[in-house]
Amino acid sequence: LVKNNEELTHNPKYEELFAPSYGPENPFQTQQMKANRNILSGYVEKAHISEFQFENQRRTFTSYGYAVDPST
């Protein structure tokens, strides 16, 4: 199996799918550098947000320097 590949081209056995990966490991990488990423600076997940609300908060932040905390 190819490491970090999200698409399977065949039907592997459970042991193959969840087997530990082998090979050389870079000893100079930190835990943060070893983490799975789908963009250069981190991992992006899809979010369900209204296009209007997104633009509203983006323009508020651009104009006034603040926006609503999305985690609340």
Protein backbone atom coordinates (compact mmCIF):
# COMPACT_ATOMS: atom_id res chain seq x y z
CA LEU A 1 0.00 0.00 0.00
CA VAL A 2 1.11 3.55 -0.70
CA LYS A 3 1.53 5.65 2.44
CA ASN A 4 -0.95 8.57 2.82
CA ASN A 5 -3.00 7.31 -0.12
CA GLU A 6 -6.74 7.77 0.43
CA GLU A 7 -7.86 5.68 -2.55
CA LEU A 8 -7.65 1.89 -2.66
CA THR A 9 -7.13 0.22 -6.03
CA HIS A 10 -7.84 -3.31 -4.73
CA ASN A 11 -9.52 -5.00 -1.77
CA PRO A 12 -6.73 -5.59 0.79
CA LYS A 13 -6.96 -7.83 3.84
CA TYR A 14 -7.30 -6.23 7.28
CA GLU A 15 -3.72 -7.19 8.16
CA GLU A 16 -2.41 -5.45 5.05
CA LEU A 17 -4.49 -2.33 5.53
CA PHE A 18 -3.54 -1.67 9.16
CA ALA A 19 0.00 -3.07 9.13
CA PRO A 20 2.75 -0.74 10.36
CA SER A 21 4.69 1.01 7.64
CA TYR A 22 8.31 -0.01 7.18
CA GLY A 23 11.25 1.87 5.83
CA PRO A 24 13.75 4.52 6.85
CA GLU A 25 12.53 7.32 9.06
CA ASN A 26 13.99 10.81 9.16
CA PRO A 27 15.43 11.22 12.69
CA PHE A 28 15.36 15.01 12.41
CA GLN A 29 11.58 15.33 11.90
CA THR A 30 9.49 16.55 14.81
CA GLN A 31 6.08 15.08 15.68
CA GLN A 32 4.48 18.08 13.99
CA MET A 33 6.42 17.44 10.79
CA LYS A 34 5.42 13.74 10.83
CA ALA A 35 1.71 14.50 11.13
CA ASN A 36 -0.55 13.87 8.14
CA ARG A 37 -1.15 17.04 6.16
CA ASN A 38 -3.10 17.77 3.01
CA ILE A 39 -1.69 21.30 2.62
CA LEU A 40 1.74 22.69 3.42
CA SER A 41 0.76 24.34 6.71
CA GLY A 42 -1.52 21.66 8.18
CA TYR A 43 -4.69 19.70 7.63
CA VAL A 44 -7.85 21.21 6.15
CA GLU A 45 -11.28 19.70 6.76
CA LYS A 46 -14.48 20.53 4.96
CA ALA A 47 -16.85 22.79 6.88
CA HIS A 48 -20.52 23.54 6.41
CA ILE A 49 -20.91 27.30 6.42
CA SER A 50 -23.17 29.73 4.63
CA GLU A 51 -21.49 31.61 1.79
CA PHE A 52 -23.19 34.81 2.99
CA GLN A 53 -21.92 34.41 6.56
CA PHE A 54 -18.41 33.63 5.36
CA GLU A 55 -18.25 36.75 3.18
CA ASN A 56 -19.85 38.84 5.93
CA GLN A 57 -17.20 37.80 8.48
CA ARG A 58 -14.36 38.13 5.95
CA ARG A 59 -15.40 41.69 5.10
CA THR A 60 -15.87 42.57 8.78
CA PHE A 61 -12.38 41.30 9.56
CA THR A 62 -10.89 43.16 6.59
CA SER A 63 -12.62 46.42 7.52
CA TYR A 64 -12.57 46.39 11.32
CA GLY A 65 -9.95 43.79 12.28
CA TYR A 66 -12.23 41.42 14.18
CA ALA A 67 -14.64 38.59 13.41
CA VAL A 68 -16.96 36.25 15.31
CA ASP A 69 -15.27 33.22 16.91
CA PRO A 70 -16.38 30.26 14.72
CA SER A 71 -16.01 27.72 17.55
CA THR A 72 -18.82 29.26 19.62
